[in-house]
């Protein structure tokens, strides 16, 4: 029997002053013998000045983001993962 899951993850950071720096996220599920990731994306707001993605030594997807700017208190969370059905 095949099952499909829709997974959503949200993380929120709020800063009162401009943000300059970088962060990494390990929020994308990985393929395993008993599961296959059909689609996944990391959505960041405001948009980072640079992003890159690679797999670590354990096979996890690592997303690197360089941030520069202001994250307004009323903005959407900076990143989340959405896996479409």
PDB file of N, CA and C in Angstrom:
ATOM      1  N   UNK A   1       0.839  -1.174   0.000  1.00  0.00           N
ATOM      2  CA  UNK A   1       0.000   0.000   0.000  1.00  0.00           C
ATOM      3  C   UNK A   1       0.894   1.251   0.000  1.00  0.00           C
ATOM      4  N   UNK A   2       0.617   2.170  -0.902  1.00  0.00           N
ATOM      5  CA  UNK A   2       1.378   3.416  -0.980  1.00  0.00           C
ATOM      6  C   UNK A   2       0.643   4.509  -0.218  1.00  0.00           C
ATOM      7  N   UNK A   3       1.378   5.241   0.580  1.00  0.00           N
ATOM      8  CA  UNK A   3       0.817   6.380   1.316  1.00  0.00           C
ATOM      9  C   UNK A   3       1.560   7.630   0.914  1.00  0.00           C
ATOM     10  N   UNK A   4       0.837   8.720   0.837  1.00  0.00           N
ATOM     11  CA  UNK A   4       1.450  10.020   0.562  1.00  0.00           C
ATOM     12  C   UNK A   4       1.197  10.926   1.744  1.00  0.00           C
ATOM     13  N   UNK A   5       2.239  11.667   2.104  1.00  0.00           N
ATOM     14  CA  UNK A   5       2.146  12.612   3.214  1.00  0.00           C
ATOM     15  C   UNK A   5       2.463  14.004   2.723  1.00  0.00           C
ATOM     16  N   UNK A   6       1.800  14.969   3.289  1.00  0.00           N
ATOM     17  CA  UNK A   6       2.117  16.381   3.046  1.00  0.00           C
ATOM     18  C   UNK A   6       2.672  16.897   4.373  1.00  0.00           C
ATOM     19  N   UNK A   7       3.917  17.355   4.333  1.00  0.00           N
ATOM     20  CA  UNK A   7       4.594  17.810   5.547  1.00  0.00           C
ATOM     21  C   UNK A   7       4.879  19.300   5.411  1.00  0.00           C
ATOM     22  N   UNK A   8       4.519  20.057   6.436  1.00  0.00           N
ATOM     23  CA  UNK A   8       4.813  21.487   6.459  1.00  0.00           C
ATOM     24  C   UNK A   8       5.536  21.797   7.758  1.00  0.00           C
ATOM     25  N   UNK A   9       6.615  22.529   7.649  1.00  0.00           N
ATOM     26  CA  UNK A   9       7.397  22.938   8.826  1.00  0.00           C
ATOM     27  C   UNK A   9       7.622  24.440   8.734  1.00  0.00           C
ATOM     28  N   UNK A  10       7.424  25.149   9.835  1.00  0.00           N
ATOM     29  CA  UNK A  10       7.675  26.597   9.855  1.00  0.00           C
ATOM     30  C   UNK A  10       8.549  26.926  11.054  1.00  0.00           C
ATOM     31  N   UNK A  11       9.540  27.737  10.784  1.00  0.00           N
ATOM     32  CA  UNK A  11      10.389  28.272  11.836  1.00  0.00           C
ATOM     33  C   UNK A  11      10.382  29.777  11.674  1.00  0.00           C
ATOM     34  N   UNK A  12      10.255  30.501  12.763  1.00  0.00           N
ATOM     35  CA  UNK A  12      10.160  31.952  12.687  1.00  0.00           C
ATOM     36  C   UNK A  12      11.217  32.601  13.563  1.00  0.00           C
ATOM     37  N   UNK A  13      11.896  33.577  12.978  1.00  0.00           N
ATOM     38  CA  UNK A  13      12.847  34.397  13.708  1.00  0.00           C
ATOM     39  C   UNK A  13      12.389  35.841  13.593  1.00  0.00           C
ATOM     40  N   UNK A  14      12.519  36.605  14.662  1.00  0.00           N
ATOM     41  CA  UNK A  14      12.156  38.020  14.623  1.00  0.00           C
ATOM     42  C   UNK A  14      13.326  38.831  15.160  1.00  0.00           C
ATOM     43  N   UNK A  15      13.703  39.849  14.390  1.00  0.00           N
ATOM     44  CA  UNK A  15      14.816  40.707  14.773  1.00  0.00           C
ATOM     45  C   UNK A  15      14.346  42.156  14.772  1.00  0.00           C
ATOM     46  N   UNK A  16      14.842  42.956  15.692  1.00  0.00           N
ATOM     47  CA  UNK A  16      14.484  44.359  15.762  1.00  0.00           C
ATOM     48  C   UNK A  16      15.433  45.257  15.007  1.00  0.00           C
ATOM     49  N   UNK A  17      16.434  44.666  14.394  1.00  0.00           N
ATOM     50  CA  UNK A  17      17.417  45.452  13.660  1.00  0.00           C
ATOM     51  C   UNK A  17      17.867  44.653  12.436  1.00  0.00           C
ATOM     52  N   UNK A  18      18.597  45.289  11.516  1.00  0.00           N
ATOM     53  CA  UNK A  18      19.033  44.565  10.314  1.00  0.00           C
ATOM     54  C   UNK A  18      19.790  43.278  10.648  1.00  0.00           C
ATOM     55  N   UNK A  19      19.595  42.295   9.803  1.00  0.00           N
ATOM     56  CA  UNK A  19      20.222  40.985   9.980  1.00  0.00           C
ATOM     57  C   UNK A  19      21.290  40.807   8.908  1.00  0.00           C
ATOM     58  N   UNK A  20      22.486  40.455   9.331  1.00  0.00           N
ATOM     59  CA  UNK A  20      23.558  40.100   8.409  1.00  0.00           C
ATOM     60  C   UNK A  20      24.189  38.836   8.973  1.00  0.00           C
ATOM     61  N   UNK A  21      24.198  37.796   8.204  1.00  0.00           N
ATOM     62  CA  UNK A  21      24.775  36.550   8.686  1.00  0.00           C
ATOM     63  C   UNK A  21      24.342  35.396   7.815  1.00  0.00           C
ATOM     64  N   UNK A  22      24.577  34.200   8.294  1.00  0.00           N
ATOM     65  CA  UNK A  22      24.187  33.017   7.552  1.00  0.00           C
ATOM     66  C   UNK A  22      23.608  31.987   8.500  1.00  0.00           C
ATOM     67  N   UNK A  23      22.881  31.056   7.938  1.00  0.00           N
ATOM     68  CA  UNK A  23      22.308  29.966   8.714  1.00  0.00           C
ATOM     69  C   UNK A  23      22.217  28.743   7.814  1.00  0.00           C
ATOM     70  N   UNK A  24      22.084  27.607   8.417  1.00  0.00           N
ATOM     71  CA  UNK A  24      21.863  26.382   7.659  1.00  0.00           C
ATOM     72  C   UNK A  24      20.582  25.741   8.167  1.00  0.00           C
ATOM     73  N   UNK A  25      19.923  25.044   7.290  1.00  0.00           N
ATOM     74  CA  UNK A  25      18.682  24.353   7.645  1.00  0.00           C
ATOM     75  C   UNK A  25      18.749  22.919   7.158  1.00  0.00           C
ATOM     76  N   UNK A  26      18.359  22.029   8.021  1.00  0.00           N
ATOM     77  CA  UNK A  26      18.226  20.612   7.650  1.00  0.00           C
ATOM     78  C   UNK A  26      16.748  20.263   7.837  1.00  0.00           C
ATOM     79  N   UNK A  27      15.942  20.713   6.890  1.00  0.00           N
ATOM     80  CA  UNK A  27      14.494  20.549   7.026  1.00  0.00           C
ATOM     81  C   UNK A  27      13.861  19.768   5.880  1.00  0.00           C
ATOM     82  N   UNK A  28      14.648  19.384   4.887  1.00  0.00           N
ATOM     83  CA  UNK A  28      14.121  18.615   3.756  1.00  0.00           C
ATOM     84  C   UNK A  28      14.238  17.136   4.097  1.00  0.00           C
ATOM     85  N   UNK A  29      13.135  16.386   3.991  1.00  0.00           N
ATOM     86  CA  UNK A  29      13.227  14.945   4.271  1.00  0.00           C
ATOM     87  C   UNK A  29      14.157  14.262   3.272  1.00  0.00           C
ATOM     88  N   UNK A  30      14.693  13.132   3.662  1.00  0.00           N
ATOM     89  CA  UNK A  30      15.578  12.412   2.744  1.00  0.00           C
ATOM     90  C   UNK A  30      14.940  11.098   2.322  1.00  0.00           C
ATOM     91  N   UNK A  31      15.371  10.626   1.165  1.00  0.00           N
ATOM     92  CA  UNK A  31      14.909   9.324   0.701  1.00  0.00           C
ATOM     93  C   UNK A  31      15.508   8.236   1.579  1.00  0.00           C
ATOM     94  N   UNK A  32      14.694   7.247   1.875  1.00  0.00           N
ATOM     95  CA  UNK A  32      15.108   6.068   2.623  1.00  0.00           C
ATOM     96  C   UNK A  32      14.563   4.849   1.888  1.00  0.00           C
ATOM     97  N   UNK A  33      15.012   3.653   2.225  1.00  0.00           N
ATOM     98  CA  UNK A  33      14.490   2.478   1.524  1.00  0.00           C
ATOM     99  C   UNK A  33      12.961   2.377   1.583  1.00  0.00           C
ATOM    100  N   UNK A  34      12.350   2.817   2.677  1.00  0.00           N
ATOM    101  CA  UNK A  34      10.907   2.707   2.838  1.00  0.00           C
ATOM    102  C   UNK A  34      10.149   3.999   2.523  1.00  0.00           C
ATOM    103  N   UNK A  35      10.848   5.049   2.090  1.00  0.00           N
ATOM    104  CA  UNK A  35      10.168   6.293   1.721  1.00  0.00           C
ATOM    105  C   UNK A  35      10.918   6.997   0.600  1.00  0.00           C
ATOM    106  N   UNK A  36      10.136   7.671  -0.239  1.00  0.00           N
ATOM    107  CA  UNK A  36      10.702   8.421  -1.353  1.00  0.00           C
ATOM    108  C   UNK A  36      10.126   9.826  -1.307  1.00  0.00           C
ATOM    109  N   UNK A  37      10.993  10.819  -1.394  1.00  0.00           N
ATOM    110  CA  UNK A  37      10.554  12.210  -1.417  1.00  0.00           C
ATOM    111  C   UNK A  37      10.213  12.546  -2.866  1.00  0.00           C
ATOM    112  N   UNK A  38       8.956  12.906  -3.098  1.00  0.00           N
ATOM    113  CA  UNK A  38       8.501  13.233  -4.446  1.00  0.00           C
ATOM    114  C   UNK A  38       8.897  14.657  -4.797  1.00  0.00           C
ATOM    115  N   UNK A  39       8.703  15.593  -3.855  1.00  0.00           N
ATOM    116  CA  UNK A  39       9.057  16.996  -4.089  1.00  0.00           C
ATOM    117  C   UNK A  39       9.230  17.673  -2.741  1.00  0.00           C
ATOM    118  N   UNK A  40      10.133  18.628  -2.681  1.00  0.00           N
ATOM    119  CA  UNK A  40      10.339  19.396  -1.452  1.00  0.00           C
ATOM    120  C   UNK A  40      10.956  20.736  -1.825  1.00  0.00           C
ATOM    121  N   UNK A  41      10.656  21.752  -1.058  1.00  0.00           N
ATOM    122  CA  UNK A  41      11.233  23.067  -1.301  1.00  0.00           C
ATOM    123  C   UNK A  41      11.405  23.793   0.022  1.00  0.00           C
ATOM    124  N   UNK A  42      12.358  24.703   0.038  1.00  0.00           N
ATOM    125  CA  UNK A  42      12.581  25.568   1.196  1.00  0.00           C
ATOM    126  C   UNK A  42      12.274  26.980   0.723  1.00  0.00           C
ATOM    127  N   UNK A  43      11.319  27.622   1.371  1.00  0.00           N
ATOM    128  CA  UNK A  43      10.890  28.968   1.000  1.00  0.00           C
ATOM    129  C   UNK A  43      11.343  29.923   2.099  1.00  0.00           C
ATOM    130  N   UNK A  44      12.124  30.939   1.740  1.00  0.00           N
ATOM    131  CA  UNK A  44      12.712  31.857   2.716  1.00  0.00           C
ATOM    132  C   UNK A  44      12.215  33.274   2.438  1.00  0.00           C
ATOM    133  N   UNK A  45      11.816  33.973   3.501  1.00  0.00           N
ATOM    134  CA  UNK A  45      11.358  35.353   3.369  1.00  0.00           C
ATOM    135  C   UNK A  45      11.918  36.180   4.519  1.00  0.00           C
ATOM    136  N   UNK A  46      12.579  37.300   4.235  1.00  0.00           N
ATOM    137  CA  UNK A  46      12.907  37.816   2.912  1.00  0.00           C
ATOM    138  C   UNK A  46      13.954  36.937   2.237  1.00  0.00           C
ATOM    139  N   UNK A  47      14.043  37.091   0.935  1.00  0.00           N
ATOM    140  CA  UNK A  47      14.942  36.237   0.157  1.00  0.00           C
ATOM    141  C   UNK A  47      16.389  36.412   0.593  1.00  0.00           C
ATOM    142  N   UNK A  48      17.099  35.320   0.785  1.00  0.00           N
ATOM    143  CA  UNK A  48      18.515  35.410   1.129  1.00  0.00           C
ATOM    144  C   UNK A  48      19.326  35.943  -0.056  1.00  0.00           C
ATOM    145  N   UNK A  49      20.485  36.503   0.247  1.00  0.00           N
ATOM    146  CA  UNK A  49      21.356  36.993  -0.822  1.00  0.00           C
ATOM    147  C   UNK A  49      22.081  35.840  -1.509  1.00  0.00           C
ATOM    148  N   UNK A  50      22.168  34.702  -0.832  1.00  0.00           N
ATOM    149  CA  UNK A  50      22.822  33.526  -1.406  1.00  0.00           C
ATOM    150  C   UNK A  50      22.228  32.277  -0.781  1.00  0.00           C
ATOM    151  N   UNK A  51      22.034  31.253  -1.590  1.00  0.00           N
ATOM    152  CA  UNK A  51      21.623  29.949  -1.070  1.00  0.00           C
ATOM    153  C   UNK A  51      22.407  28.874  -1.806  1.00  0.00           C
ATOM    154  N   UNK A  52      22.613  27.780  -1.129  1.00  0.00           N
ATOM    155  CA  UNK A  52      23.196  26.605  -1.770  1.00  0.00           C
ATOM    156  C   UNK A  52      22.685  25.383  -1.021  1.00  0.00           C
ATOM    157  N   UNK A  53      22.757  24.246  -1.671  1.00  0.00           N
ATOM    158  CA  UNK A  53      22.235  23.020  -1.081  1.00  0.00           C
ATOM    159  C   UNK A  53      23.208  21.886  -1.362  1.00  0.00           C
ATOM    160  N   UNK A  54      23.436  21.058  -0.359  1.00  0.00           N
ATOM    161  CA  UNK A  54      24.271  19.871  -0.538  1.00  0.00           C
ATOM    162  C   UNK A  54      23.809  18.797   0.432  1.00  0.00           C
ATOM    163  N   UNK A  55      24.376  17.642   0.353  1.00  0.00           N
ATOM    164  CA  UNK A  55      24.069  16.550   1.289  1.00  0.00           C
ATOM    165  C   UNK A  55      25.238  16.389   2.251  1.00  0.00           C
ATOM    166  N   UNK A  56      24.899  16.195   3.518  1.00  0.00           N
ATOM    167  CA  UNK A  56      25.950  15.972   4.510  1.00  0.00           C
ATOM    168  C   UNK A  56      26.374  14.500   4.478  1.00  0.00           C
ATOM    169  N   UNK A  57      27.270  14.128   5.363  1.00  0.00           N
ATOM    170  CA  UNK A  57      27.800  12.768   5.392  1.00  0.00           C
ATOM    171  C   UNK A  57      26.776  11.696   5.693  1.00  0.00           C
ATOM    172  N   UNK A  58      25.639  12.073   6.278  1.00  0.00           N
ATOM    173  CA  UNK A  58      24.576  11.111   6.592  1.00  0.00           C
ATOM    174  C   UNK A  58      23.489  11.087   5.524  1.00  0.00           C
ATOM    175  N   UNK A  59      23.645  11.900   4.477  1.00  0.00           N
ATOM    176  CA  UNK A  59      22.653  11.925   3.409  1.00  0.00           C
ATOM    177  C   UNK A  59      21.553  12.952   3.587  1.00  0.00           C
ATOM    178  N   UNK A  60      21.635  13.767   4.642  1.00  0.00           N
ATOM    179  CA  UNK A  60      20.632  14.808   4.863  1.00  0.00           C
ATOM    180  C   UNK A  60      20.875  15.982   3.928  1.00  0.00           C
ATOM    181  N   UNK A  61      19.789  16.582   3.450  1.00  0.00           N
ATOM    182  CA  UNK A  61      19.892  17.769   2.612  1.00  0.00           C
ATOM    183  C   UNK A  61      20.151  18.968   3.519  1.00  0.00           C
ATOM    184  N   UNK A  62      21.205  19.717   3.227  1.00  0.00           N
ATOM    185  CA  UNK A  62      21.579  20.896   4.002  1.00  0.00           C
ATOM    186  C   UNK A  62      21.408  22.112   3.099  1.00  0.00           C
ATOM    187  N   UNK A  63      20.623  23.089   3.559  1.00  0.00           N
ATOM    188  CA  UNK A  63      20.415  24.328   2.805  1.00  0.00           C
ATOM    189  C   UNK A  63      21.144  25.449   3.537  1.00  0.00           C
ATOM    190  N   UNK A  64      22.087  26.084   2.857  1.00  0.00           N
ATOM    191  CA  UNK A  64      22.852  27.201   3.399  1.00  0.00           C
ATOM    192  C   UNK A  64      22.209  28.491   2.901  1.00  0.00           C
ATOM    193  N   UNK A  65      22.029  29.467   3.804  1.00  0.00           N
ATOM    194  CA  UNK A  65      21.429  30.740   3.426  1.00  0.00           C
ATOM    195  C   UNK A  65      22.238  31.884   4.002  1.00  0.00           C
ATOM    196  N   UNK A  66      22.524  32.884   3.177  1.00  0.00           N
ATOM    197  CA  UNK A  66      23.169  34.115   3.641  1.00  0.00           C
ATOM    198  C   UNK A  66      22.095  35.184   3.656  1.00  0.00           C
ATOM    199  N   UNK A  67      21.915  35.796   4.822  1.00  0.00           N
ATOM    200  CA  UNK A  67      20.872  36.792   5.019  1.00  0.00           C
ATOM    201  C   UNK A  67      21.465  38.177   5.184  1.00  0.00           C
ATOM    202  N   UNK A  68      20.793  39.151   4.596  1.00  0.00           N
ATOM    203  CA  UNK A  68      21.198  40.536   4.767  1.00  0.00           C
ATOM    204  C   UNK A  68      19.950  41.394   4.598  1.00  0.00           C
ATOM    205  N   UNK A  69      19.562  42.093   5.627  1.00  0.00           N
ATOM    206  CA  UNK A  69      18.376  42.940   5.544  1.00  0.00           C
ATOM    207  C   UNK A  69      17.615  42.946   6.843  1.00  0.00           C
ATOM    208  N   UNK A  70      16.390  43.371   6.775  1.00  0.00           N
ATOM    209  CA  UNK A  70      15.542  43.481   7.952  1.00  0.00           C
ATOM    210  C   UNK A  70      14.427  42.458   7.842  1.00  0.00           C
ATOM    211  N   UNK A  71      14.173  41.759   8.926  1.00  0.00           N
ATOM    212  CA  UNK A  71      13.039  40.856   8.996  1.00  0.00           C
ATOM    213  C   UNK A  71      11.971  41.598   9.789  1.00  0.00           C
ATOM    214  N   UNK A  72      10.971  42.187   9.115  1.00  0.00           N
ATOM    215  CA  UNK A  72       9.953  42.945   9.836  1.00  0.00           C
ATOM    216  C   UNK A  72       9.174  42.068  10.803  1.00  0.00           C
ATOM    217  N   UNK A  73       8.743  42.618  11.931  1.00  0.00           N
ATOM    218  CA  UNK A  73       7.995  41.823  12.912  1.00  0.00           C
ATOM    219  C   UNK A  73       6.737  41.186  12.354  1.00  0.00           C
ATOM    220  N   UNK A  74       6.138  41.775  11.314  1.00  0.00           N
ATOM    221  CA  UNK A  74       4.898  41.229  10.758  1.00  0.00           C
ATOM    222  C   UNK A  74       5.125  40.308   9.568  1.00  0.00           C
ATOM    223  N   UNK A  75       6.381  40.010   9.241  1.00  0.00           N
ATOM    224  CA  UNK A  75       6.651  39.202   8.046  1.00  0.00           C
ATOM    225  C   UNK A  75       6.316  37.738   8.277  1.00  0.00           C
ATOM    226  N   UNK A  76       6.260  37.015   7.173  1.00  0.00           N
ATOM    227  CA  UNK A  76       6.084  35.571   7.241  1.00  0.00           C
ATOM    228  C   UNK A  76       7.345  34.951   7.825  1.00  0.00           C
ATOM    229  N   UNK A  77       7.265  33.735   8.350  1.00  0.00           N
ATOM    230  CA  UNK A  77       8.478  33.075   8.848  1.00  0.00           C
ATOM    231  C   UNK A  77       9.538  32.990   7.770  1.00  0.00           C
ATOM    232  N   UNK A  78      10.829  33.104   8.149  1.00  0.00           N
ATOM    233  CA  UNK A  78      11.894  33.097   7.163  1.00  0.00           C
ATOM    234  C   UNK A  78      12.007  31.840   6.325  1.00  0.00           C
ATOM    235  N   UNK A  79      11.702  30.675   6.862  1.00  0.00           N
ATOM    236  CA  UNK A  79      11.741  29.503   5.987  1.00  0.00           C
ATOM    237  C   UNK A  79      10.792  28.445   6.461  1.00  0.00           C
ATOM    238  N   UNK A  80      10.344  27.663   5.521  1.00  0.00           N
ATOM    239  CA  UNK A  80       9.461  26.547   5.813  1.00  0.00           C
ATOM    240  C   UNK A  80       9.661  25.508   4.738  1.00  0.00           C
ATOM    241  N   UNK A  81       9.196  24.320   4.985  1.00  0.00           N
ATOM    242  CA  UNK A  81       9.306  23.255   4.011  1.00  0.00           C
ATOM    243  C   UNK A  81       7.903  22.816   3.636  1.00  0.00           C
ATOM    244  N   UNK A  82       7.654  22.701   2.373  1.00  0.00           N
ATOM    245  CA  UNK A  82       6.357  22.242   1.895  1.00  0.00           C
ATOM    246  C   UNK A  82       6.595  21.096   0.923  1.00  0.00           C
ATOM    247  N   UNK A  83       5.960  19.986   1.192  1.00  0.00           N
ATOM    248  CA  UNK A  83       6.063  18.835   0.307  1.00  0.00           C
ATOM    249  C   UNK A  83       4.714  18.676  -0.360  1.00  0.00           C
ATOM    250  N   UNK A  84       4.583  19.030  -1.656  1.00  0.00           N
ATOM    251  CA  UNK A  84       3.295  18.928  -2.330  1.00  0.00           C
ATOM    252  C   UNK A  84       2.797  17.488  -2.421  1.00  0.00           C
ATOM    253  N   UNK A  85       1.477  17.320  -2.493  1.00  0.00           N
ATOM    254  CA  UNK A  85       0.908  15.950  -2.576  1.00  0.00           C
ATOM    255  C   UNK A  85       1.268  15.266  -3.878  1.00  0.00           C
TER     256      UNK A  85
END
